[in-house]
Amino acid sequence: MSFLDAIFDNLERDPSRAAIAEVHGKRIETFDGKAIADLAARTRAFLADAGVQPGDKVGLLAPNSARWVGADLAILSFGATVVPLYDRQDPKELAVMLANARPKAILAATRELADAISAAYDGECEVAVFDAVFATDPASDPGRRALEADHTVAIIYTSGTSGEPKGVMLTRANFDFMIPKTIDRLSKVVGPRNEPERVFHFLPFCFAAARLMLWTQLSRPNPLMISTDLKNLVEEMGTAAPNYFLTVPAVLERIRHGVGAKVRERGGLVARLYDAGFEAYRRMREGRAGFVDRLVLSLSRAVVYQAIRRQVGPALEFLISGSAPLSEETQDWFGLLGVPVYQAYGLTETTGIVTLDDPARTVPGRVGYAIAGVELHVTDAGELLVRGPNLFAGYHEKPEETKKAIDDDGWFHTGDQVDLEGGNLRIIGRIKNLIIPESGHNIAPEPLEEKFRELCPKAEQAVLVGHGKPALALLVTGDVAPEEVAAAVERFNQTVPHYKKIRHFLVLDEPFSPDNGLLTANQKLKRRAIEARYAEQIDALYGQKGAA
């Protein structure tokens, strides 16, 4: 039985069981198996009426919703290939993806989205709005079609942190392999229960890891509560009261630094206990704690951290973090709250996952062990290579790019610089992000940016530049004064060798975001775009005296 057959079997076996729950502020709207199956039937009927054939591509342009889920399952079970598109991305960027995919139809959530993509993309295809799709009479539903193992179920375009996005082709076999692995790992973490888990989700379904979480929960089966308004995430989270959710490091870092800033503004004993308790916890975890540490930790938990725990989420049992490595400090901070964070590492090309944390062997700062059936190899240059049934079928209509990515022995070259110790992986950074200043040293920016943010909590984002330059410079965003950045840079420079010292910095007025094109939807920095946007200011830094 394929993963898709299993999902529909769950929907149909108990049609009154909740499958998807939309969170609207303080209200939750539940869609049971019958409702999702009906949405899928109506969509299949629409596709048939529109002349879509099995094997065609169908774009899906919408925010997360029960309708998104119904349309997604319908396109798959119709025998077509889903091209999921991020609804907040620039339509001109989406048009580049569509020119490569050449879909037969595009299903858009709203008229506004439909008009925007129609204006940007001049390809011949029908663009339909959800209201019209779901108004279709299900009587013309042709029914579900069986999918071959090598059928491309989705073409997911890479986030494009640099260069032109490539369409990653993922097959039914990829997800047939992966979903049982995620189900097994979740079962080990959550343990046996008498009622469904409360699982919240806010990351866009158009990306591989988010899609994997959706299909995993539908396959188990367990209801998934989904955000409907990212600007109202705090209220939605309170309404959902989740036991766990999938997130990205940027969100967890923001929570930690936001709480820390408020505690330090308050000052006094609470602020001192906050910092002392965290250091005591870290010494305890490392086996270096003494009597005083245990006393301080106990006191800080009673006075400070229990209250923070209630604010962060009293029902939270654990978190899953992916997309990028999470800092050791932030993983420890949530551990001190009693909310362990389990990391997952993977790329779109690996069906979202390569390694997963083992709850019994979690090491903060590392992203876990290879899932069963997946091989890892680290080259002399420190690049991680991956081989296994989770590897994608190739980049859509880009055979040369596919050959560059997967060598003749079947190893996928991830482009990630890593350290592998006892099978537990640590991500150092992207090889293509290496900065080589005039000194000739190879410098991975990610660990240094993380170190700086620890020294400057008010800094929302930090980006190192300096490739081919005399020294490193730093771009900083956030509500932080230049004097505070200068002080943090001075402390930073005391801890690093000469070639890693920051000699210049610039505090920017605008944060990097997906809306201004400087962050991906998963909160990853678009380094080339950032350097291009601020090229003049960066050049000016090297013509003036900066931080020493």
Protein backbone atom coordinates (compact mmCIF):
# COMPACT_ATOMS: atom_id res chain seq x y z
CA MET A 1 0.00 0.00 0.00
CA SER A 2 1.37 3.42 -0.96
CA PHE A 3 1.45 6.34 1.47
CA LEU A 4 -1.40 7.95 -0.47
CA ASP A 5 -3.55 4.81 -0.26
CA ALA A 6 -2.92 4.72 3.49
CA ILE A 7 -4.02 8.34 3.89
CA PHE A 8 -7.28 7.83 2.00
CA ASP A 9 -7.86 4.56 3.84
CA ASN A 10 -7.66 6.48 7.13
CA LEU A 11 -10.02 9.18 5.88
CA GLU A 12 -12.59 6.65 4.70
CA ARG A 13 -12.33 4.04 7.48
CA ASP A 14 -13.45 6.53 10.13
CA PRO A 15 -15.00 9.47 8.23
CA SER A 16 -16.15 11.25 11.40
CA ARG A 17 -12.64 11.37 12.89
CA ALA A 18 -10.98 14.80 12.85
CA ALA A 19 -8.29 15.09 10.19
CA ILE A 20 -7.51 18.81 9.92
CA ALA A 21 -8.35 21.66 12.31
CA GLU A 22 -8.01 25.28 11.23
CA VAL A 23 -7.14 27.68 14.06
CA HIS A 24 -8.86 31.05 13.63
CA GLY A 25 -7.82 33.23 16.56
CA LYS A 26 -9.65 31.82 19.57
CA ARG A 27 -11.79 29.49 17.43
CA ILE A 28 -10.99 26.05 15.97
CA GLU A 29 -12.83 24.74 12.90
CA THR A 30 -12.52 20.98 12.48
CA PHE A 31 -12.66 19.05 9.21
CA ASP A 32 -13.24 15.32 9.53
CA GLY A 33 -12.20 12.61 7.11
CA LYS A 34 -15.47 12.87 5.18
CA ALA A 35 -14.99 16.62 4.64
CA ILE A 36 -11.41 16.24 3.37
CA ALA A 37 -12.43 13.37 1.08
CA ASP A 38 -15.26 15.52 -0.29
CA LEU A 39 -12.87 18.40 -1.04
CA ALA A 40 -10.61 15.93 -2.85
CA ALA A 41 -13.50 14.50 -4.88
CA ARG A 42 -14.64 17.96 -5.98
CA THR A 43 -11.10 18.88 -6.99
CA ARG A 44 -10.65 15.70 -9.03
CA ALA A 45 -13.95 16.45 -10.77
CA PHE A 46 -12.74 19.96 -11.56
CA LEU A 47 -9.43 18.67 -12.95
CA ALA A 48 -11.25 16.22 -15.21
CA ASP A 49 -13.58 18.94 -16.47
CA ALA A 50 -10.58 21.22 -17.11
CA GLY A 51 -8.92 18.64 -19.34
CA VAL A 52 -6.07 17.79 -16.99
CA GLN A 53 -4.57 14.37 -17.70
CA PRO A 54 -2.65 11.96 -15.45
CA GLY A 55 1.01 12.95 -15.54
CA ASP A 56 0.24 16.65 -16.03
CA LYS A 57 1.53 19.22 -13.56
CA VAL A 58 -0.88 21.29 -11.49
CA GLY A 59 0.22 24.38 -9.55
CA LEU A 60 -1.15 24.91 -6.05
CA LEU A 61 -0.91 28.53 -4.88
CA ALA A 62 -2.46 29.03 -1.46
CA PRO A 63 -1.74 29.46 2.24
CA ASN A 64 -2.22 26.48 4.54
CA SER A 65 -5.84 25.43 4.96
CA ALA A 66 -8.09 22.38 4.87
CA ARG A 67 -8.81 23.31 1.27
CA TRP A 68 -5.08 23.17 0.50
CA VAL A 69 -4.96 19.66 1.94
CA GLY A 70 -8.01 18.53 -0.05
CA ALA A 71 -6.62 19.98 -3.30
CA ASP A 72 -3.19 18.46 -2.71
CA LEU A 73 -4.56 14.97 -2.08
CA ALA A 74 -6.86 15.33 -5.10
CA ILE A 75 -4.09 16.25 -7.53
CA LEU A 76 -2.02 13.31 -6.32
CA SER A 77 -4.86 10.79 -6.47
CA PHE A 78 -5.85 12.08 -9.91
CA GLY A 79 -2.42 10.92 -11.10
CA ALA A 80 -1.04 14.41 -11.71
CA THR A 81 2.01 16.07 -10.17
CA VAL A 82 1.63 18.86 -7.61
CA VAL A 83 3.72 22.00 -8.03
CA PRO A 84 3.26 23.70 -4.63
CA LEU A 85 3.89 27.44 -4.64
CA TYR A 86 4.48 29.81 -1.72
CA ASP A 87 1.62 32.31 -1.65
CA ARG A 88 3.74 35.13 -0.17
CA GLN A 89 6.52 34.87 -2.74
CA ASP A 90 6.99 37.50 -5.46
CA PRO A 91 4.81 36.45 -8.43
CA LYS A 92 7.74 37.20 -10.77
CA GLU A 93 9.84 34.62 -8.91
CA LEU A 94 6.97 32.13 -9.06
CA ALA A 95 6.70 32.75 -12.81
CA VAL A 96 10.30 31.54 -13.24
CA MET A 97 9.35 28.28 -11.52
CA LEU A 98 6.18 27.90 -13.59
CA ALA A 99 8.09 28.48 -16.83
CA ASN A 100 10.13 25.41 -15.92
CA ALA A 101 7.21 23.31 -14.63
CA ARG A 102 4.71 24.26 -17.39
CA PRO A 103 1.57 23.27 -15.45
CA LYS A 104 -1.71 22.39 -17.15
CA ALA A 105 -3.61 24.30 -14.46
CA ILE A 106 -3.02 26.45 -11.39
CA LEU A 107 -5.36 26.35 -8.40
CA ALA A 108 -5.24 29.59 -6.38
CA ALA A 109 -6.82 30.27 -3.00
CA THR A 110 -8.14 33.74 -3.88
CA ARG A 111 -8.93 35.94 -6.85
CA GLU A 112 -6.11 38.26 -5.79
CA LEU A 113 -3.56 35.43 -5.99
CA ALA A 114 -5.03 34.23 -9.29
CA ASP A 115 -4.81 37.69 -10.86
CA ALA A 116 -1.25 38.24 -9.60
CA ILE A 117 0.08 34.98 -11.01
CA SER A 118 -1.82 35.43 -14.28
CA ALA A 119 -0.17 38.82 -14.73
CA ALA A 120 3.31 37.45 -13.99
CA TYR A 121 3.15 34.14 -15.88
CA ASP A 122 2.24 34.10 -19.58
CA GLY A 123 2.20 30.33 -20.04
CA GLU A 124 -0.89 28.60 -21.41
CA CYS A 125 -2.76 27.11 -18.47
CA GLU A 126 -6.04 27.57 -16.67
CA VAL A 127 -5.90 29.57 -13.44
CA ALA A 128 -8.84 28.73 -11.18
CA VAL A 129 -9.89 30.08 -7.79
CA PHE A 130 -10.66 27.70 -4.93
CA ASP A 131 -14.29 28.82 -4.73
CA ALA A 132 -14.86 27.63 -8.29
CA VAL A 133 -12.88 24.43 -7.78
CA PHE A 134 -14.81 23.35 -4.68
CA ALA A 135 -18.17 24.30 -6.20
CA THR A 136 -17.71 21.53 -8.78
CA ASP A 137 -20.25 18.71 -8.63
CA PRO A 138 -18.41 15.64 -7.28
CA ALA A 139 -20.61 13.42 -9.46
CA SER A 140 -18.03 13.84 -12.26
CA ASP A 141 -15.19 12.69 -10.01
CA PRO A 142 -13.23 10.07 -12.00
CA GLY A 143 -12.05 8.46 -8.77
CA ARG A 144 -8.59 7.73 -7.46
CA ARG A 145 -5.85 6.38 -9.70
CA ALA A 146 -3.07 4.08 -8.53
CA LEU A 147 0.41 5.62 -8.69
CA GLU A 148 3.53 3.79 -9.79
CA ALA A 149 6.44 3.87 -7.36
CA ASP A 150 8.47 6.13 -9.65
CA HIS A 151 5.59 8.57 -10.22
CA THR A 152 6.63 12.16 -9.47
CA VAL A 153 4.18 13.28 -6.80
CA ALA A 154 5.64 16.75 -6.39
CA ILE A 155 8.05 19.21 -7.95
CA ILE A 156 9.20 21.40 -5.10
CA TYR A 157 11.33 24.37 -6.02
CA THR A 158 14.35 25.03 -3.85
CA SER A 159 14.21 28.17 -1.75
CA GLY A 160 16.78 29.84 -3.94
CA THR A 161 19.12 31.29 -1.31
CA SER A 162 21.42 31.82 -4.29
CA GLY A 163 20.96 31.38 -8.01
CA GLU A 164 17.87 30.22 -9.86
CA PRO A 165 15.51 27.85 -8.03
CA LYS A 166 15.56 24.25 -9.24
CA GLY A 167 12.54 21.95 -9.34
CA VAL A 168 13.20 18.96 -7.09
CA MET A 169 11.26 15.90 -8.30
CA LEU A 170 10.10 13.69 -5.43
CA THR A 171 8.45 10.34 -6.09
CA ARG A 172 5.88 8.15 -4.44
CA ALA A 173 8.72 5.78 -3.51
CA ASN A 174 10.54 8.60 -1.69
CA PHE A 175 7.57 9.17 0.61
CA ASP A 176 6.76 5.46 0.88
CA PHE A 177 10.25 5.13 2.37
CA MET A 178 10.24 8.27 4.51
CA ILE A 179 6.82 8.39 6.17
CA PRO A 180 7.19 5.10 8.11
CA LYS A 181 10.49 6.47 9.46
CA THR A 182 8.88 9.65 10.77
CA ILE A 183 5.94 7.73 12.22
CA ASP A 184 8.31 5.39 14.05
CA ARG A 185 10.40 8.23 15.50
CA LEU A 186 7.33 10.19 16.64
CA SER A 187 5.92 7.05 18.29
CA LYS A 188 9.11 6.68 20.32
CA VAL A 189 8.93 10.29 21.51
CA VAL A 190 5.22 10.63 22.29
CA GLY A 191 4.68 7.11 23.66
CA PRO A 192 1.29 5.38 23.99
CA ARG A 193 -1.74 7.66 24.47
CA ASN A 194 -5.46 7.32 24.99
CA GLU A 195 -6.30 10.43 22.97
CA PRO A 196 -4.89 12.22 19.91
CA GLU A 197 -1.86 14.46 20.26
CA ARG A 198 -2.38 18.19 19.89
CA VAL A 199 -0.08 19.03 16.99
CA PHE A 200 0.14 22.59 15.69
CA HIS A 201 1.59 23.61 12.34
CA PHE A 202 2.41 27.00 10.82
CA LEU A 203 5.18 26.36 8.26
CA PRO A 204 4.00 26.50 4.61
CA PHE A 205 2.92 23.12 3.21
CA CYS A 206 4.64 23.98 -0.07
CA PHE A 207 8.00 22.96 1.44
CA ALA A 208 9.21 19.39 1.82
CA ALA A 209 9.51 19.15 5.61
CA ALA A 210 6.11 20.77 6.20
CA ARG A 211 4.49 18.49 3.62
CA LEU A 212 6.13 15.51 5.32
CA MET A 213 4.67 16.55 8.68
CA LEU A 214 1.20 16.85 7.10
CA TRP A 215 1.34 13.47 5.40
CA THR A 216 2.86 11.84 8.49
CA GLN A 217 -0.01 12.98 10.70
CA LEU A 218 -2.63 11.96 8.12
CA SER A 219 -0.93 8.55 7.83
CA ARG A 220 -0.78 7.81 11.56
CA PRO A 221 -3.67 9.07 11.72
CA ASN A 222 -3.58 12.10 14.06
CA PRO A 223 -5.34 15.44 13.55
CA LEU A 224 -3.19 18.41 12.56
CA MET A 225 -4.09 21.91 13.74
CA ILE A 226 -2.97 24.54 11.25
CA SER A 227 -2.39 28.25 11.52
CA THR A 228 -4.53 30.48 9.31
CA ASP A 229 -2.90 33.83 10.16
CA LEU A 230 0.84 34.02 10.72
CA LYS A 231 0.46 37.57 12.05
CA ASN A 232 -1.70 36.19 14.86
CA LEU A 233 0.52 33.24 15.73
CA VAL A 234 0.73 33.95 19.46
CA GLU A 235 -3.07 33.86 19.92
CA GLU A 236 -3.40 30.82 17.67
CA MET A 237 -0.75 28.99 19.68
CA GLY A 238 -2.63 29.74 22.87
CA THR A 239 -5.86 28.41 21.35
CA ALA A 240 -4.21 25.28 19.98
CA ALA A 241 -2.35 24.52 23.24
CA PRO A 242 -0.10 22.10 21.35
CA ASN A 243 1.89 19.19 22.72
CA TYR A 244 4.47 19.77 19.98
CA PHE A 245 5.05 21.41 16.62
CA LEU A 246 7.58 21.63 13.82
CA THR A 247 9.49 24.90 13.74
CA VAL A 248 12.64 26.57 12.46
CA PRO A 249 15.61 27.85 14.51
CA ALA A 250 14.84 31.51 13.77
CA VAL A 251 11.52 31.24 15.63
CA LEU A 252 13.08 29.57 18.67
CA GLU A 253 15.96 32.06 18.75
CA ARG A 254 13.43 34.91 18.62
CA ILE A 255 11.46 33.46 21.54
CA ARG A 256 14.55 32.99 23.67
CA HIS A 257 16.07 36.40 22.97
CA GLY A 258 12.70 38.13 23.41
CA VAL A 259 12.19 36.57 26.82
CA GLY A 260 15.77 37.35 27.82
CA ALA A 261 15.42 41.00 26.82
CA LYS A 262 12.26 41.41 28.93
CA VAL A 263 13.87 39.74 31.96
CA ARG A 264 16.97 41.94 31.75
CA GLU A 265 14.84 45.07 31.41
CA ARG A 266 13.19 44.10 34.68
CA GLY A 267 16.61 43.70 36.31
CA GLY A 268 17.23 42.89 39.97
CA LEU A 269 17.24 39.42 41.47
CA VAL A 270 15.08 37.94 38.69
CA ALA A 271 17.60 38.93 36.00
CA ARG A 272 20.54 37.62 38.03
CA LEU A 273 18.78 34.31 38.69
CA TYR A 274 17.83 34.05 35.00
CA ASP A 275 21.47 34.20 33.87
CA ALA A 276 22.92 32.26 36.78
CA GLY A 277 20.33 29.51 36.46
CA PHE A 278 21.08 29.05 32.76
CA GLU A 279 24.82 28.74 33.37
CA ALA A 280 24.17 26.30 36.24
CA TYR A 281 21.95 24.20 33.98
CA ARG A 282 24.65 24.00 31.32
CA ARG A 283 27.26 22.94 33.87
CA MET A 284 24.81 20.34 35.17
CA ARG A 285 24.29 18.93 31.68
CA GLU A 286 28.05 18.79 31.12
CA GLY A 287 28.63 17.02 34.45
CA ARG A 288 30.53 19.95 35.99
CA ALA A 289 27.92 21.17 38.49
CA GLY A 290 28.60 21.51 42.19
CA PHE A 291 26.37 22.03 45.21
CA VAL A 292 26.03 25.78 44.58
CA ASP A 293 25.03 25.15 40.94
CA ARG A 294 22.29 22.75 42.00
CA LEU A 295 21.03 25.27 44.54
CA VAL A 296 21.04 28.14 42.03
CA LEU A 297 19.33 25.99 39.41
CA SER A 298 16.58 24.94 41.80
CA LEU A 299 16.00 28.54 42.91
CA SER A 300 16.00 29.94 39.35
CA ARG A 301 13.47 27.36 38.25
CA ALA A 302 11.14 28.22 41.12
CA VAL A 303 11.45 32.00 40.79
CA VAL A 304 11.95 32.55 37.05
CA TYR A 305 11.79 29.61 34.68
CA GLN A 306 8.49 28.09 35.81
CA ALA A 307 6.76 31.36 34.93
CA ILE A 308 8.50 31.46 31.54
CA ARG A 309 7.45 27.88 30.93
CA ARG A 310 3.79 28.79 31.46
CA GLN A 311 4.10 31.68 28.99
CA VAL A 312 5.87 29.65 26.31
CA GLY A 313 3.30 26.86 26.42
CA PRO A 314 2.16 24.87 29.45
CA ALA A 315 1.07 21.89 27.32
CA LEU A 316 4.28 21.73 25.28
CA GLU A 317 6.09 18.44 25.66
CA PHE A 318 8.78 18.83 23.00
CA LEU A 319 9.59 20.66 19.76
CA ILE A 320 11.00 19.57 16.41
CA SER A 321 13.40 21.99 14.74
CA GLY A 322 14.56 21.77 11.14
CA SER A 323 15.58 23.83 8.09
CA ALA A 324 18.86 24.95 9.71
CA PRO A 325 20.98 23.96 12.72
CA LEU A 326 19.80 25.29 16.08
CA SER A 327 22.35 26.89 18.39
CA GLU A 328 23.51 24.85 21.36
CA GLU A 329 22.55 27.69 23.72
CA THR A 330 18.96 27.88 22.50
CA GLN A 331 18.55 24.11 22.62
CA ASP A 332 19.82 24.21 26.23
CA TRP A 333 17.47 27.09 27.10
CA PHE A 334 14.40 25.15 26.03
CA GLY A 335 15.79 22.11 27.82
CA LEU A 336 15.95 24.16 31.01
CA LEU A 337 12.27 25.01 30.52
CA GLY A 338 11.50 21.29 30.32
CA VAL A 339 10.73 21.42 26.59
CA PRO A 340 13.37 19.35 24.77
CA VAL A 341 14.05 20.34 21.18
CA TYR A 342 14.78 17.48 18.79
CA GLN A 343 16.59 18.47 15.64
CA ALA A 344 16.09 17.10 12.16
CA TYR A 345 18.41 17.70 9.23
CA GLY A 346 17.67 17.31 5.57
CA LEU A 347 17.18 19.03 2.25
CA THR A 348 14.37 19.09 -0.28
CA GLU A 349 16.50 16.72 -2.38
CA THR A 350 16.52 14.16 0.48
CA THR A 351 12.72 14.19 0.95
CA GLY A 352 13.19 16.56 3.86
CA ILE A 353 15.21 14.31 6.20
CA VAL A 354 18.67 12.78 6.45
CA THR A 355 19.19 12.66 10.22
CA LEU A 356 16.94 12.79 13.28
CA ASP A 357 17.77 13.32 16.92
CA ASP A 358 17.50 10.24 19.09
CA PRO A 359 15.70 11.30 22.30
CA ALA A 360 17.94 8.99 24.31
CA ARG A 361 21.16 10.40 22.81
CA THR A 362 20.44 14.06 22.09
CA VAL A 363 23.48 16.34 22.09
CA PRO A 364 22.71 20.08 21.92
CA GLY A 365 24.21 21.63 18.80
CA ARG A 366 24.06 18.40 16.80
CA VAL A 367 21.29 17.29 14.44
CA GLY A 368 21.16 13.57 15.14
CA TYR A 369 21.83 10.27 13.45
CA ALA A 370 21.14 9.02 9.94
CA ILE A 371 17.74 7.37 9.59
CA ALA A 372 17.83 3.64 8.86
CA GLY A 373 18.57 2.93 5.22
CA VAL A 374 20.42 6.19 4.58
CA GLU A 375 24.22 6.30 4.22
CA LEU A 376 26.47 9.23 5.12
CA HIS A 377 29.99 10.02 3.94
CA VAL A 378 32.16 13.04 4.74
CA THR A 379 34.74 14.06 2.14
CA ASP A 380 38.24 15.25 2.95
CA ALA A 381 36.95 18.78 2.39
CA GLY A 382 34.29 18.22 5.04
CA GLU A 383 31.29 18.05 2.70
CA LEU A 384 28.47 15.69 3.59
CA LEU A 385 27.42 13.15 0.95
CA VAL A 386 24.16 11.20 1.26
CA ARG A 387 22.93 8.03 -0.41
CA GLY A 388 19.66 6.16 0.03
CA PRO A 389 16.00 5.70 -1.00
CA ASN A 390 15.23 9.24 0.15
CA LEU A 391 17.14 10.84 -2.74
CA PHE A 392 15.13 12.78 -5.30
CA ALA A 393 14.69 11.67 -8.91
CA GLY A 394 16.46 14.75 -10.27
CA TYR A 395 15.94 18.42 -11.07
CA HIS A 396 13.07 18.98 -13.47
CA GLU A 397 14.44 19.41 -16.99
CA LYS A 398 17.93 20.18 -15.67
CA PRO A 399 19.95 16.99 -16.37
CA GLU A 400 23.32 18.74 -16.08
CA GLU A 401 22.44 20.15 -12.68
CA THR A 402 21.30 16.69 -11.60
CA LYS A 403 24.65 15.18 -12.67
CA LYS A 404 26.47 17.79 -10.63
CA ALA A 405 24.42 16.96 -7.56
CA ILE A 406 24.46 13.12 -7.72
CA ASP A 407 27.73 11.44 -8.69
CA ASP A 408 28.20 8.18 -10.57
CA ASP A 409 28.21 6.18 -7.33
CA GLY A 410 24.83 7.55 -6.31
CA TRP A 411 26.07 9.99 -3.66
CA PHE A 412 24.20 13.28 -3.36
CA HIS A 413 26.54 16.20 -2.66
CA THR A 414 24.70 18.28 -0.05
CA GLY A 415 26.98 21.32 -0.11
CA ASP A 416 26.97 21.30 3.70
CA GLN A 417 30.20 21.41 5.69
CA VAL A 418 29.81 19.05 8.63
CA ASP A 419 31.43 17.26 11.53
CA LEU A 420 30.45 13.65 12.24
CA GLU A 421 31.25 12.33 15.70
CA GLY A 422 30.03 8.90 16.77
CA GLY A 423 27.44 9.03 14.02
CA ASN A 424 25.95 12.27 15.40
CA LEU A 425 26.04 15.07 12.84
CA ARG A 426 26.89 18.73 13.36
CA ILE A 427 26.29 21.26 10.60
CA ILE A 428 29.04 23.87 10.34
CA GLY A 429 27.66 25.79 7.37
CA ARG A 430 27.16 25.86 3.63
CA ILE A 431 30.37 25.38 1.66
CA LYS A 432 29.21 27.94 -0.90
CA ASN A 433 28.82 30.45 1.97
CA LEU A 434 32.50 30.27 2.88
CA ILE A 435 34.11 33.69 3.09
CA ILE A 436 37.70 33.89 1.84
CA PRO A 437 39.16 37.30 2.70
CA GLU A 438 42.46 38.58 1.35
CA SER A 439 44.26 36.57 4.05
CA GLY A 440 43.23 33.39 2.18
CA HIS A 441 41.55 31.74 5.19
CA ASN A 442 38.33 29.78 4.65
CA ILE A 443 35.77 31.15 7.11
CA ALA A 444 32.33 29.61 7.70
CA PRO A 445 30.12 32.58 8.63
CA GLU A 446 27.29 30.73 10.39
CA PRO A 447 29.09 29.79 13.66
CA LEU A 448 30.53 33.29 13.97
CA GLU A 449 27.16 34.95 13.37
CA GLU A 450 25.68 32.73 16.05
CA LYS A 451 28.47 33.66 18.46
CA PHE A 452 27.87 37.36 17.85
CA ARG A 453 24.12 37.08 18.44
CA GLU A 454 24.84 35.44 21.79
CA LEU A 455 26.91 38.47 22.74
CA CYS A 456 24.36 40.94 21.41
CA PRO A 457 20.84 39.67 22.29
CA LYS A 458 19.11 42.75 20.84
CA ALA A 459 20.50 41.98 17.39
CA GLU A 460 17.70 40.31 15.45
CA GLN A 461 19.90 39.17 12.56
CA ALA A 462 23.62 39.24 11.78
CA VAL A 463 25.34 38.62 8.45
CA LEU A 464 29.07 38.46 7.92
CA VAL A 465 30.55 39.70 4.64
CA GLY A 466 34.10 40.16 3.42
CA HIS A 467 34.77 37.72 0.60
CA GLY A 468 37.87 39.02 -1.19
CA LYS A 469 38.09 41.96 1.22
CA PRO A 470 40.85 42.91 3.67
CA ALA A 471 38.77 41.81 6.70
CA LEU A 472 35.33 40.77 7.88
CA ALA A 473 32.42 43.17 8.23
CA LEU A 474 29.05 42.64 9.88
CA LEU A 475 25.52 43.68 8.90
CA VAL A 476 23.13 43.83 11.87
CA THR A 477 19.36 44.31 12.13
CA GLY A 478 17.15 44.83 15.16
CA ASP A 479 16.36 47.43 17.79
CA VAL A 480 19.98 47.79 18.81
CA ALA A 481 22.17 50.85 19.17
CA PRO A 482 25.53 51.10 17.35
CA GLU A 483 27.23 51.43 20.76
CA GLU A 484 25.78 48.08 21.82
CA VAL A 485 26.96 46.45 18.60
CA ALA A 486 30.44 47.96 19.06
CA ALA A 487 30.66 46.59 22.59
CA ALA A 488 29.57 43.12 21.44
CA VAL A 489 32.04 43.20 18.55
CA GLU A 490 34.83 44.08 20.96
CA ARG A 491 33.96 41.10 23.18
CA PHE A 492 33.62 38.89 20.10
CA ASN A 493 37.06 39.85 18.81
CA GLN A 494 38.66 38.83 22.09
CA THR A 495 37.58 35.23 21.49
CA VAL A 496 38.64 34.62 17.87
CA PRO A 497 41.92 34.53 15.90
CA HIS A 498 43.00 37.61 13.96
CA TYR A 499 41.55 36.53 10.62
CA LYS A 500 38.07 36.06 12.14
CA LYS A 501 37.94 39.46 13.83
CA ILE A 502 35.17 41.83 12.77
CA ARG A 503 36.70 45.12 11.64
CA HIS A 504 33.59 46.97 10.43
CA PHE A 505 29.87 46.85 11.08
CA LEU A 506 26.66 48.47 9.91
CA VAL A 507 23.29 48.58 11.71
CA LEU A 508 20.51 48.43 9.12
CA ASP A 509 17.10 50.08 9.47
CA GLU A 510 15.11 47.23 7.92
CA PRO A 511 15.16 43.57 9.02
CA PHE A 512 15.61 40.82 6.44
CA SER A 513 12.28 39.16 5.62
CA PRO A 514 10.58 37.07 2.94
CA ASP A 515 8.56 40.16 1.98
CA ASN A 516 11.65 42.17 1.02
CA GLY A 517 13.27 39.19 -0.66
CA LEU A 518 16.15 38.84 1.80
CA LEU A 519 14.90 35.73 3.64
CA THR A 520 13.41 32.51 2.36
CA ALA A 521 10.03 31.38 3.69
CA ASN A 522 11.91 29.08 6.08
CA GLN A 523 13.80 32.08 7.49
CA LYS A 524 17.09 31.32 5.76
CA LEU A 525 19.31 34.22 4.76
CA LYS A 526 19.51 35.00 1.05
CA ARG A 527 23.14 36.02 1.31
CA ARG A 528 23.70 37.00 -2.30
CA ALA A 529 20.57 39.12 -2.34
CA ILE A 530 21.60 40.81 0.93
CA GLU A 531 25.09 41.60 -0.35
CA ALA A 532 23.65 42.91 -3.63
CA ARG A 533 21.05 45.08 -1.84
CA TYR A 534 23.67 46.67 0.42
CA ALA A 535 26.66 46.62 -1.95
CA GLU A 536 27.28 50.37 -1.78
CA GLN A 537 27.10 50.47 2.03
CA ILE A 538 29.43 47.46 2.28
CA ASP A 539 31.95 49.04 -0.06
CA ALA A 540 31.75 52.25 1.97
CA LEU A 541 32.59 50.33 5.16
CA TYR A 542 35.97 49.39 3.76
CA GLY A 543 36.66 53.00 2.89
CA GLN A 544 36.20 54.21 6.45
CA LYS A 545 37.36 53.32 9.91
CA GLY A 546 35.07 50.75 11.55
CA ALA A 547 35.03 48.67 14.70
CA ALA A 548 38.37 47.39 15.85
